PDB file of N, CA and C in Angstrom:
ATOM      1  N   MET A   1     -33.054 148.664  31.812  1.00  0.00           N
ATOM      2  CA  MET A   1     -33.842 149.446  30.712  1.00  0.00           C
ATOM      3  C   MET A   1     -32.723 150.257  29.837  1.00  0.00           C
ATOM      4  N   PRO A   2     -32.177 149.783  28.630  1.00  0.00           N
ATOM      5  CA  PRO A   2     -31.024 150.459  27.788  1.00  0.00           C
ATOM      6  C   PRO A   2     -31.611 151.609  27.427  1.00  0.00           C
ATOM      7  N   TYR A   3     -31.046 152.645  26.867  1.00  0.00           N
ATOM      8  CA  TYR A   3     -31.357 153.886  26.211  1.00  0.00           C
ATOM      9  C   TYR A   3     -31.540 153.798  24.940  1.00  0.00           C
ATOM     10  N   ASP A   4     -32.117 153.834  24.087  1.00  0.00           N
ATOM     11  CA  ASP A   4     -32.247 153.650  22.690  1.00  0.00           C
ATOM     12  C   ASP A   4     -31.679 155.231  22.013  1.00  0.00           C
ATOM     13  N   THR A   5     -32.060 156.288  22.244  1.00  0.00           N
ATOM     14  CA  THR A   5     -31.484 157.281  21.798  1.00  0.00           C
ATOM     15  C   THR A   5     -31.131 158.645  23.035  1.00  0.00           C
ATOM     16  N   LEU A   6     -30.565 159.559  22.576  1.00  0.00           N
ATOM     17  CA  LEU A   6     -29.932 160.297  23.668  1.00  0.00           C
ATOM     18  C   LEU A   6     -31.507 161.293  23.932  1.00  0.00           C
ATOM     19  N   LYS A   7     -32.491 161.349  23.354  1.00  0.00           N
ATOM     20  CA  LYS A   7     -33.936 161.771  24.023  1.00  0.00           C
ATOM     21  C   LYS A   7     -34.350 160.961  25.329  1.00  0.00           C
ATOM     22  N   ASP A   8     -33.881 159.632  25.193  1.00  0.00           N
ATOM     23  CA  ASP A   8     -34.454 158.826  26.205  1.00  0.00           C
ATOM     24  C   ASP A   8     -33.515 158.714  27.498  1.00  0.00           C
ATOM     25  N   LEU A   9     -32.567 159.528  27.336  1.00  0.00           N
ATOM     26  CA  LEU A   9     -31.893 159.841  28.770  1.00  0.00           C
ATOM     27  C   LEU A   9     -32.681 160.624  29.591  1.00  0.00           C
ATOM     28  N   PRO A  10     -32.207 160.619  30.848  1.00  0.00           N
ATOM     29  CA  PRO A  10     -32.964 161.277  32.097  1.00  0.00           C
ATOM     30  C   PRO A  10     -32.500 162.748  31.815  1.00  0.00           C
ATOM     31  N   ASP A  11     -33.585 163.487  32.459  1.00  0.00           N
ATOM     32  CA  ASP A  11     -33.558 164.941  32.483  1.00  0.00           C
ATOM     33  C   ASP A  11     -32.065 165.472  33.118  1.00  0.00           C
ATOM     34  N   ASN A  12     -31.880 164.780  34.208  1.00  0.00           N
ATOM     35  CA  ASN A  12     -30.517 165.268  35.101  1.00  0.00           C
ATOM     36  C   ASN A  12     -29.381 164.887  34.066  1.00  0.00           C
ATOM     37  N   VAL A  13     -29.396 164.030  32.891  1.00  0.00           N
ATOM     38  CA  VAL A  13     -28.228 164.114  32.139  1.00  0.00           C
ATOM     39  C   VAL A  13     -28.667 164.931  30.825  1.00  0.00           C
ATOM     40  N   THR A  14     -29.522 164.945  30.226  1.00  0.00           N
ATOM     41  CA  THR A  14     -30.089 165.556  29.246  1.00  0.00           C
ATOM     42  C   THR A  14     -29.720 167.415  29.478  1.00  0.00           C
ATOM     43  N   ASN A  15     -30.243 167.783  30.505  1.00  0.00           N
ATOM     44  CA  ASN A  15     -30.111 169.069  30.996  1.00  0.00           C
ATOM     45  C   ASN A  15     -28.710 169.821  31.326  1.00  0.00           C
ATOM     46  N   VAL A  16     -27.848 169.006  31.592  1.00  0.00           N
ATOM     47  CA  VAL A  16     -26.711 169.401  32.113  1.00  0.00           C
ATOM     48  C   VAL A  16     -25.222 168.992  31.000  1.00  0.00           C
ATOM     49  N   LEU A  17     -25.411 167.859  30.415  1.00  0.00           N
ATOM     50  CA  LEU A  17     -24.379 167.609  29.788  1.00  0.00           C
ATOM     51  C   LEU A  17     -24.297 167.920  28.165  1.00  0.00           C
ATOM     52  N   PRO A  18     -23.371 167.951  27.573  1.00  0.00           N
ATOM     53  CA  PRO A  18     -23.204 168.395  26.125  1.00  0.00           C
ATOM     54  C   PRO A  18     -23.298 167.150  25.541  1.00  0.00           C
ATOM     55  N   LYS A  19     -23.675 167.327  24.312  1.00  0.00           N
ATOM     56  CA  LYS A  19     -24.118 166.242  23.327  1.00  0.00           C
ATOM     57  C   LYS A  19     -23.098 164.805  23.225  1.00  0.00           C
ATOM     58  N   HIS A  20     -21.946 165.216  23.215  1.00  0.00           N
ATOM     59  CA  HIS A  20     -20.757 164.345  23.427  1.00  0.00           C
ATOM     60  C   HIS A  20     -20.802 163.660  24.499  1.00  0.00           C
ATOM     61  N   ALA A  21     -20.770 164.398  25.705  1.00  0.00           N
ATOM     62  CA  ALA A  21     -20.850 163.735  27.011  1.00  0.00           C
ATOM     63  C   ALA A  21     -22.285 162.827  27.187  1.00  0.00           C
ATOM     64  N   GLN A  22     -22.979 162.986  26.552  1.00  0.00           N
ATOM     65  CA  GLN A  22     -24.359 162.642  26.673  1.00  0.00           C
ATOM     66  C   GLN A  22     -24.252 161.171  25.696  1.00  0.00           C
ATOM     67  N   GLU A  23     -23.573 161.101  24.660  1.00  0.00           N
ATOM     68  CA  GLU A  23     -23.286 160.000  23.684  1.00  0.00           C
ATOM     69  C   GLU A  23     -22.406 158.861  24.745  1.00  0.00           C
ATOM     70  N   ILE A  24     -21.230 159.486  25.317  1.00  0.00           N
ATOM     71  CA  ILE A  24     -20.628 158.748  26.403  1.00  0.00           C
ATOM     72  C   ILE A  24     -21.392 158.075  27.299  1.00  0.00           C
ATOM     73  N   TYR A  25     -22.057 158.856  27.912  1.00  0.00           N
ATOM     74  CA  TYR A  25     -23.185 158.249  29.227  1.00  0.00           C
ATOM     75  C   TYR A  25     -24.037 157.203  28.914  1.00  0.00           C
ATOM     76  N   ARG A  26     -24.681 157.467  27.487  1.00  0.00           N
ATOM     77  CA  ARG A  26     -25.656 156.405  26.792  1.00  0.00           C
ATOM     78  C   ARG A  26     -25.030 155.089  26.536  1.00  0.00           C
ATOM     79  N   ALA A  27     -23.933 155.286  25.743  1.00  0.00           N
ATOM     80  CA  ALA A  27     -23.088 153.802  25.768  1.00  0.00           C
ATOM     81  C   ALA A  27     -22.307 153.309  26.947  1.00  0.00           C
ATOM     82  N   ALA A  28     -22.235 153.842  27.853  1.00  0.00           N
ATOM     83  CA  ALA A  28     -21.436 153.502  29.065  1.00  0.00           C
ATOM     84  C   ALA A  28     -22.545 152.685  29.678  1.00  0.00           C
ATOM     85  N   PHE A  29     -23.789 153.397  29.954  1.00  0.00           N
ATOM     86  CA  PHE A  29     -25.028 152.957  30.558  1.00  0.00           C
ATOM     87  C   PHE A  29     -25.436 151.471  29.977  1.00  0.00           C
ATOM     88  N   ASN A  30     -25.645 151.709  28.464  1.00  0.00           N
ATOM     89  CA  ASN A  30     -26.094 150.313  27.888  1.00  0.00           C
ATOM     90  C   ASN A  30     -24.851 149.217  28.245  1.00  0.00           C
ATOM     91  N   SER A  31     -23.932 149.490  28.226  1.00  0.00           N
ATOM     92  CA  SER A  31     -22.915 148.463  28.379  1.00  0.00           C
ATOM     93  C   SER A  31     -22.842 147.972  29.944  1.00  0.00           C
ATOM     94  N   ALA A  32     -22.658 148.686  30.724  1.00  0.00           N
ATOM     95  CA  ALA A  32     -23.121 148.520  32.141  1.00  0.00           C
ATOM     96  C   ALA A  32     -24.295 147.505  32.419  1.00  0.00           C
ATOM     97  N   TRP A  33     -25.412 147.825  31.758  1.00  0.00           N
ATOM     98  CA  TRP A  33     -26.698 147.360  31.764  1.00  0.00           C
ATOM     99  C   TRP A  33     -26.420 145.752  31.777  1.00  0.00           C
ATOM    100  N   ASP A  34     -25.961 145.463  30.253  1.00  0.00           N
ATOM    101  CA  ASP A  34     -25.555 144.336  30.078  1.00  0.00           C
ATOM    102  C   ASP A  34     -24.515 143.512  31.034  1.00  0.00           C
ATOM    103  N   GLU A  35     -23.492 144.280  31.181  1.00  0.00           N
ATOM    104  CA  GLU A  35     -22.660 143.643  31.921  1.00  0.00           C
ATOM    105  C   GLU A  35     -22.775 143.249  33.375  1.00  0.00           C
ATOM    106  N   TYR A  36     -23.906 143.877  34.019  1.00  0.00           N
ATOM    107  CA  TYR A  36     -24.209 143.706  35.232  1.00  0.00           C
ATOM    108  C   TYR A  36     -25.510 143.325  35.863  1.00  0.00           C
ATOM    109  N   LYS A  37     -25.914 142.412  34.800  1.00  0.00           N
ATOM    110  CA  LYS A  37     -27.103 141.865  34.813  1.00  0.00           C
ATOM    111  C   LYS A  37     -27.287 140.972  36.157  1.00  0.00           C
ATOM    112  N   ASP A  38     -25.977 140.299  36.328  1.00  0.00           N
ATOM    113  CA  ASP A  38     -26.085 139.226  37.369  1.00  0.00           C
ATOM    114  C   ASP A  38     -25.697 140.318  38.764  1.00  0.00           C
ATOM    115  N   PRO A  39     -26.615 139.988  39.545  1.00  0.00           N
ATOM    116  CA  PRO A  39     -26.408 140.659  41.231  1.00  0.00           C
ATOM    117  C   PRO A  39     -25.241 140.566  41.693  1.00  0.00           C
ATOM    118  N   ASP A  40     -24.391 139.235  41.522  1.00  0.00           N
ATOM    119  CA  ASP A  40     -23.537 138.876  42.101  1.00  0.00           C
ATOM    120  C   ASP A  40     -21.985 139.999  41.676  1.00  0.00           C
ATOM    121  N   GLU A  41     -22.545 140.340  40.318  1.00  0.00           N
ATOM    122  CA  GLU A  41     -21.438 141.267  39.853  1.00  0.00           C
ATOM    123  C   GLU A  41     -21.563 142.418  40.433  1.00  0.00           C
ATOM    124  N   ARG A  42     -22.178 143.141  41.023  1.00  0.00           N
ATOM    125  CA  ARG A  42     -22.544 144.355  41.616  1.00  0.00           C
ATOM    126  C   ARG A  42     -22.025 144.476  42.869  1.00  0.00           C
ATOM    127  N   ARG A  43     -21.660 145.729  43.329  1.00  0.00           N
ATOM    128  CA  ARG A  43     -21.419 145.802  44.627  1.00  0.00           C
ATOM    129  C   ARG A  43     -22.407 146.263  45.683  1.00  0.00           C
ATOM    130  N   GLY A  44     -22.408 145.522  46.594  1.00  0.00           N
ATOM    131  CA  GLY A  44     -23.283 145.759  47.760  1.00  0.00           C
ATOM    132  C   GLY A  44     -24.939 145.220  47.398  1.00  0.00           C
ATOM    133  N   HIS A  45     -25.698 146.040  47.811  1.00  0.00           N
ATOM    134  CA  HIS A  45     -27.181 145.570  47.248  1.00  0.00           C
ATOM    135  C   HIS A  45     -27.714 146.821  46.214  1.00  0.00           C
ATOM    136  N   ALA A  46     -26.716 147.124  45.288  1.00  0.00           N
ATOM    137  CA  ALA A  46     -27.061 148.300  44.532  1.00  0.00           C
ATOM    138  C   ALA A  46     -27.912 147.655  43.285  1.00  0.00           C
ATOM    139  N   SER A  47     -28.907 148.091  42.856  1.00  0.00           N
ATOM    140  CA  SER A  47     -29.519 147.431  41.529  1.00  0.00           C
ATOM    141  C   SER A  47     -29.037 147.610  40.382  1.00  0.00           C
ATOM    142  N   ARG A  48     -29.413 147.145  39.216  1.00  0.00           N
ATOM    143  CA  ARG A  48     -28.713 146.841  38.239  1.00  0.00           C
ATOM    144  C   ARG A  48     -28.804 148.262  37.240  1.00  0.00           C
ATOM    145  N   GLU A  49     -29.799 149.132  37.638  1.00  0.00           N
ATOM    146  CA  GLU A  49     -30.012 150.213  37.095  1.00  0.00           C
ATOM    147  C   GLU A  49     -29.150 151.339  37.420  1.00  0.00           C
ATOM    148  N   GLU A  50     -28.776 151.547  39.119  1.00  0.00           N
ATOM    149  CA  GLU A  50     -28.125 152.295  39.854  1.00  0.00           C
ATOM    150  C   GLU A  50     -26.840 152.135  39.534  1.00  0.00           C
ATOM    151  N   THR A  51     -26.340 150.785  39.269  1.00  0.00           N
ATOM    152  CA  THR A  51     -24.981 150.270  38.990  1.00  0.00           C
ATOM    153  C   THR A  51     -24.546 150.919  37.498  1.00  0.00           C
ATOM    154  N   ALA A  52     -25.513 150.766  36.507  1.00  0.00           N
ATOM    155  CA  ALA A  52     -25.370 151.535  35.387  1.00  0.00           C
ATOM    156  C   ALA A  52     -25.102 152.869  35.212  1.00  0.00           C
ATOM    157  N   HIS A  53     -26.141 153.622  36.193  1.00  0.00           N
ATOM    158  CA  HIS A  53     -25.677 155.034  36.005  1.00  0.00           C
ATOM    159  C   HIS A  53     -24.659 155.504  36.750  1.00  0.00           C
ATOM    160  N   ARG A  54     -24.003 154.589  37.700  1.00  0.00           N
ATOM    161  CA  ARG A  54     -22.602 154.994  38.493  1.00  0.00           C
ATOM    162  C   ARG A  54     -21.674 154.706  37.131  1.00  0.00           C
ATOM    163  N   VAL A  55     -21.728 153.732  36.759  1.00  0.00           N
ATOM    164  CA  VAL A  55     -20.651 153.583  35.620  1.00  0.00           C
ATOM    165  C   VAL A  55     -20.453 154.634  34.311  1.00  0.00           C
ATOM    166  N   ALA A  56     -21.990 155.109  33.933  1.00  0.00           N
ATOM    167  CA  ALA A  56     -22.016 155.989  33.063  1.00  0.00           C
ATOM    168  C   ALA A  56     -21.484 157.269  33.514  1.00  0.00           C
ATOM    169  N   TRP A  57     -21.843 157.817  34.682  1.00  0.00           N
ATOM    170  CA  TRP A  57     -21.247 159.145  35.301  1.00  0.00           C
ATOM    171  C   TRP A  57     -19.620 158.915  35.284  1.00  0.00           C
ATOM    172  N   ALA A  58     -19.198 157.752  35.585  1.00  0.00           N
ATOM    173  CA  ALA A  58     -17.779 157.739  35.735  1.00  0.00           C
ATOM    174  C   ALA A  58     -17.128 157.783  34.412  1.00  0.00           C
ATOM    175  N   ALA A  59     -17.978 157.167  33.611  1.00  0.00           N
ATOM    176  CA  ALA A  59     -17.295 157.380  31.941  1.00  0.00           C
ATOM    177  C   ALA A  59     -17.331 158.705  31.645  1.00  0.00           C
ATOM    178  N   VAL A  60     -18.175 159.375  31.714  1.00  0.00           N
ATOM    179  CA  VAL A  60     -18.371 160.715  31.468  1.00  0.00           C
ATOM    180  C   VAL A  60     -17.291 161.455  32.170  1.00  0.00           C
ATOM    181  N   LYS A  61     -16.784 161.286  33.484  1.00  0.00           N
ATOM    182  CA  LYS A  61     -16.013 162.114  34.284  1.00  0.00           C
ATOM    183  C   LYS A  61     -14.661 161.742  33.842  1.00  0.00           C
ATOM    184  N   LYS A  62     -14.399 160.725  32.864  1.00  0.00           N
ATOM    185  CA  LYS A  62     -12.835 160.678  32.686  1.00  0.00           C
ATOM    186  C   LYS A  62     -12.615 161.637  31.481  1.00  0.00           C
ATOM    187  N   GLU A  63     -14.019 161.917  30.732  1.00  0.00           N
ATOM    188  CA  GLU A  63     -13.464 163.090  29.651  1.00  0.00           C
ATOM    189  C   GLU A  63     -14.326 164.333  29.849  1.00  0.00           C
ATOM    190  N   TYR A  64     -14.949 164.634  30.732  1.00  0.00           N
ATOM    191  CA  TYR A  64     -15.499 165.960  31.200  1.00  0.00           C
ATOM    192  C   TYR A  64     -15.234 166.226  32.548  1.00  0.00           C
ATOM    193  N   GLU A  65     -15.278 167.816  32.720  1.00  0.00           N
ATOM    194  CA  GLU A  65     -15.173 168.023  34.470  1.00  0.00           C
ATOM    195  C   GLU A  65     -16.198 169.189  34.379  1.00  0.00           C
ATOM    196  N   LYS A  66     -16.667 169.327  35.522  1.00  0.00           N
ATOM    197  CA  LYS A  66     -17.872 170.234  35.601  1.00  0.00           C
ATOM    198  C   LYS A  66     -16.824 171.559  36.017  1.00  0.00           C
ATOM    199  N   GLU A  67     -17.024 172.542  35.580  1.00  0.00           N
ATOM    200  CA  GLU A  67     -16.745 173.796  35.978  1.00  0.00           C
ATOM    201  C   GLU A  67     -18.237 174.720  36.333  1.00  0.00           C
ATOM    202  N   GLY A  68     -18.242 175.171  37.346  1.00  0.00           N
ATOM    203  CA  GLY A  68     -19.159 175.863  37.697  1.00  0.00           C
ATOM    204  C   GLY A  68     -20.600 175.236  37.744  1.00  0.00           C
ATOM    205  N   ASP A  69     -21.460 175.543  36.667  1.00  0.00           N
ATOM    206  CA  ASP A  69     -22.779 174.851  36.428  1.00  0.00           C
ATOM    207  C   ASP A  69     -22.680 174.092  35.158  1.00  0.00           C
ATOM    208  N   GLU A  70     -21.572 174.254  34.416  1.00  0.00           N
ATOM    209  CA  GLU A  70     -21.365 173.705  33.053  1.00  0.00           C
ATOM    210  C   GLU A  70     -20.219 172.358  32.973  1.00  0.00           C
ATOM    211  N   TRP A  71     -20.552 171.640  32.236  1.00  0.00           N
ATOM    212  CA  TRP A  71     -19.670 170.335  31.948  1.00  0.00           C
ATOM    213  C   TRP A  71     -18.781 170.778  30.924  1.00  0.00           C
ATOM    214  N   ARG A  72     -17.521 170.590  30.975  1.00  0.00           N
ATOM    215  CA  ARG A  72     -16.693 171.014  29.479  1.00  0.00           C
ATOM    216  C   ARG A  72     -15.612 169.795  29.825  1.00  0.00           C
ATOM    217  N   LYS A  73     -15.236 169.777  28.081  1.00  0.00           N
ATOM    218  CA  LYS A  73     -14.135 168.531  28.041  1.00  0.00           C
ATOM    219  C   LYS A  73     -12.815 169.020  28.525  1.00  0.00           C
ATOM    220  N   LYS A  74     -12.285 167.716  29.535  1.00  0.00           N
ATOM    221  CA  LYS A  74     -11.071 168.070  30.210  1.00  0.00           C
ATOM    222  C   LYS A  74      -9.926 168.634  29.045  1.00  0.00           C
ATOM    223  N   LYS A  75      -9.014 169.229  29.590  1.00  0.00           N
ATOM    224  CA  LYS A  75      -8.151 169.875  28.714  1.00  0.00           C
ATOM    225  C   LYS A  75      -6.802 168.834  28.809  1.00  0.00           C
ATOM    226  N   SER A  76      -6.369 168.299  27.801  1.00  0.00           N
ATOM    227  CA  SER A  76      -5.242 167.372  27.518  1.00  0.00           C
ATOM    228  C   SER A  76      -3.929 167.949  28.078  1.00  0.00           C
TER     229      SER A  76
END
């Protein structure tokens, strides 16, 4: 179930990530949703949704890091 807007994202994403990070999450999730529709493309017995969430968080973590309770853009 791809996300059409940022408002559609799960609360555990919208309540903690800044807007730009949410945009990264949404784009990565939607891309992974399409890419991993075939179960043979996924690791183990992970569902399509679980795989897409993992990919999305990994994409966010490339540009953001958690400092205390806040996610902040990584310094170059």
